[in-house]
Amino acid sequence: MIADASKSGVAQETLQNAVRKGSKVMTEQEARQVLGVTEQSTWEEILQKYDNLFERNAKNGSFYLQSKVHNAKECLEEVHRVKDQSSAG
C-alpha cells in the first residue's frame, strides 16, 4: 500500500500528517543520529543526507524510517533557523 501511495503522491501528505500527529518530539541529538550528521555539518550536507535516506526508504517501503528521517530534518531545520536568527542579531 505504501509503495502504491508514494507513486500517486499520497505518501508525502500522509507523512506530513503522521509528523503532525506524533506525540514524541525529537531531540537535536536524535535528529543528528538519524541523519548521520554532526554539529559541524552544513545545512547542505544535512539536506543531502535527508534526500538520500528519504528516497532509499521510499524505495524499500519503510514508512517508519521515512517518518524518522523527515522528523529529523524538520528538527534540524528549526535548530538552524534559530542559530541563523541569533547570529544575525
C-alpha atoms as a PDB file:
ATOM      1  CA  MET A   1       0.000   0.000   0.000  1.00  0.00           C
ATOM      2  CA  ILE A   2       2.769   2.491   0.900  1.00  0.00           C
ATOM      3  CA  ALA A   3       4.569   1.757  -2.369  1.00  0.00           C
ATOM      4  CA  ASP A   4       1.375   2.474  -4.318  1.00  0.00           C
ATOM      5  CA  ALA A   5       0.717   5.602  -2.268  1.00  0.00           C
ATOM      6  CA  SER A   6       4.182   7.016  -2.941  1.00  0.00           C
ATOM      7  CA  LYS A   7       3.639   6.567  -6.661  1.00  0.00           C
ATOM      8  CA  SER A   8       0.428   8.565  -6.507  1.00  0.00           C
ATOM      9  CA  GLY A   9       1.870  11.322  -4.326  1.00  0.00           C
ATOM     10  CA  VAL A  10      -0.302  10.426  -1.360  1.00  0.00           C
ATOM     11  CA  ALA A  11       2.677   9.278   0.717  1.00  0.00           C
ATOM     12  CA  GLN A  12       4.019  12.808   1.200  1.00  0.00           C
ATOM     13  CA  GLU A  13       0.667  14.044   2.509  1.00  0.00           C
ATOM     14  CA  THR A  14       0.329  11.003   4.757  1.00  0.00           C
ATOM     15  CA  LEU A  15       3.865  11.509   6.031  1.00  0.00           C
ATOM     16  CA  GLN A  16       3.164  15.153   6.866  1.00  0.00           C
ATOM     17  CA  ASN A  17       0.018  14.159   8.753  1.00  0.00           C
ATOM     18  CA  ALA A  18       1.922  11.489  10.685  1.00  0.00           C
ATOM     19  CA  VAL A  19       4.567  14.034  11.649  1.00  0.00           C
ATOM     20  CA  ARG A  20       1.942  16.463  12.953  1.00  0.00           C
ATOM     21  CA  LYS A  21       0.207  13.770  14.989  1.00  0.00           C
ATOM     22  CA  GLY A  22       3.426  12.439  16.527  1.00  0.00           C
ATOM     23  CA  SER A  23       3.420  12.862  20.284  1.00  0.00           C
ATOM     24  CA  LYS A  24       7.171  12.487  20.856  1.00  0.00           C
ATOM     25  CA  VAL A  25       9.344  15.442  19.992  1.00  0.00           C
ATOM     26  CA  MET A  26      12.703  14.505  18.503  1.00  0.00           C
ATOM     27  CA  THR A  27      15.761  15.986  20.181  1.00  0.00           C
ATOM     28  CA  GLU A  28      18.545  17.635  18.199  1.00  0.00           C
ATOM     29  CA  GLN A  29      20.915  14.825  19.203  1.00  0.00           C
ATOM     30  CA  GLU A  30      18.493  12.133  17.995  1.00  0.00           C
ATOM     31  CA  ALA A  31      17.895  14.041  14.753  1.00  0.00           C
ATOM     32  CA  ARG A  32      21.649  14.176  14.115  1.00  0.00           C
ATOM     33  CA  GLN A  33      21.954  10.436  14.817  1.00  0.00           C
ATOM     34  CA  VAL A  34      19.087   9.591  12.454  1.00  0.00           C
ATOM     35  CA  LEU A  35      20.633  11.590   9.604  1.00  0.00           C
ATOM     36  CA  GLY A  36      24.242  10.739  10.472  1.00  0.00           C
ATOM     37  CA  VAL A  37      25.404  14.357  10.734  1.00  0.00           C
ATOM     38  CA  THR A  38      27.368  16.356  13.313  1.00  0.00           C
ATOM     39  CA  GLU A  39      27.022  19.838  14.753  1.00  0.00           C
ATOM     40  CA  GLN A  40      29.657  20.933  12.229  1.00  0.00           C
ATOM     41  CA  SER A  41      27.623  19.681   9.244  1.00  0.00           C
ATOM     42  CA  THR A  42      26.411  22.376   6.879  1.00  0.00           C
ATOM     43  CA  TRP A  43      22.731  22.714   6.024  1.00  0.00           C
ATOM     44  CA  GLU A  44      23.567  21.484   2.507  1.00  0.00           C
ATOM     45  CA  GLU A  45      25.148  18.318   3.950  1.00  0.00           C
ATOM     46  CA  ILE A  46      22.085  17.757   6.128  1.00  0.00           C
ATOM     47  CA  LEU A  47      19.783  18.117   3.117  1.00  0.00           C
ATOM     48  CA  GLN A  48      21.907  15.681   1.073  1.00  0.00           C
ATOM     49  CA  LYS A  49      21.705  13.076   3.847  1.00  0.00           C
ATOM     50  CA  TYR A  50      17.972  13.684   4.195  1.00  0.00           C
ATOM     51  CA  ASP A  51      17.300  13.315   0.467  1.00  0.00           C
ATOM     52  CA  ASN A  52      19.386  10.151   0.259  1.00  0.00           C
ATOM     53  CA  LEU A  53      17.794   8.467   3.292  1.00  0.00           C
ATOM     54  CA  PHE A  54      14.251   9.580   2.440  1.00  0.00           C
ATOM     55  CA  GLU A  55      14.492   8.229  -1.124  1.00  0.00           C
ATOM     56  CA  ARG A  56      16.161   4.998  -0.019  1.00  0.00           C
ATOM     57  CA  ASN A  57      13.339   4.325   2.431  1.00  0.00           C
ATOM     58  CA  ALA A  58      10.702   5.319  -0.125  1.00  0.00           C
ATOM     59  CA  LYS A  59      12.041   2.642  -2.489  1.00  0.00           C
ATOM     60  CA  ASN A  60      12.304  -0.026   0.209  1.00  0.00           C
ATOM     61  CA  GLY A  61       8.888   0.808   1.653  1.00  0.00           C
ATOM     62  CA  SER A  62       9.907   1.607   5.232  1.00  0.00           C
ATOM     63  CA  PHE A  63       7.368   4.264   6.166  1.00  0.00           C
ATOM     64  CA  TYR A  64       8.533   4.267   9.804  1.00  0.00           C
ATOM     65  CA  LEU A  65      12.135   5.089   8.884  1.00  0.00           C
ATOM     66  CA  GLN A  66      10.989   7.587   6.289  1.00  0.00           C
ATOM     67  CA  SER A  67       8.986   9.328   9.016  1.00  0.00           C
ATOM     68  CA  LYS A  68      12.009   9.376  11.353  1.00  0.00           C
ATOM     69  CA  VAL A  69      14.171  10.894   8.607  1.00  0.00           C
ATOM     70  CA  HIS A  70      11.535  13.539   7.899  1.00  0.00           C
ATOM     71  CA  ASN A  71      11.183  14.384  11.604  1.00  0.00           C
ATOM     72  CA  ALA A  72      14.961  14.658  11.930  1.00  0.00           C
ATOM     73  CA  LYS A  73      15.185  17.110   9.049  1.00  0.00           C
ATOM     74  CA  GLU A  74      12.374  19.243  10.459  1.00  0.00           C
ATOM     75  CA  CYS A  75      14.028  19.277  13.888  1.00  0.00           C
ATOM     76  CA  LEU A  76      17.399  20.355  12.485  1.00  0.00           C
ATOM     77  CA  GLU A  77      15.707  22.886  10.214  1.00  0.00           C
ATOM     78  CA  GLU A  78      14.322  24.585  13.314  1.00  0.00           C
ATOM     79  CA  VAL A  79      17.728  24.433  15.045  1.00  0.00           C
ATOM     80  CA  HIS A  80      19.402  26.070  12.034  1.00  0.00           C
ATOM     81  CA  ARG A  81      16.707  28.748  11.795  1.00  0.00           C
ATOM     82  CA  VAL A  82      17.196  29.688  15.466  1.00  0.00           C
ATOM     83  CA  LYS A  83      21.004  29.741  15.092  1.00  0.00           C
ATOM     84  CA  ASP A  84      20.745  31.933  11.962  1.00  0.00           C
ATOM     85  CA  GLN A  85      18.455  34.386  13.742  1.00  0.00           C
ATOM     86  CA  SER A  86      20.678  34.609  16.813  1.00  0.00           C
ATOM     87  CA  SER A  87      23.868  35.106  14.778  1.00  0.00           C
ATOM     88  CA  ALA A  88      22.200  37.745  12.573  1.00  0.00           C
ATOM     89  CA  GLY A  89      21.246  39.907  15.541  1.00  0.00           C
END
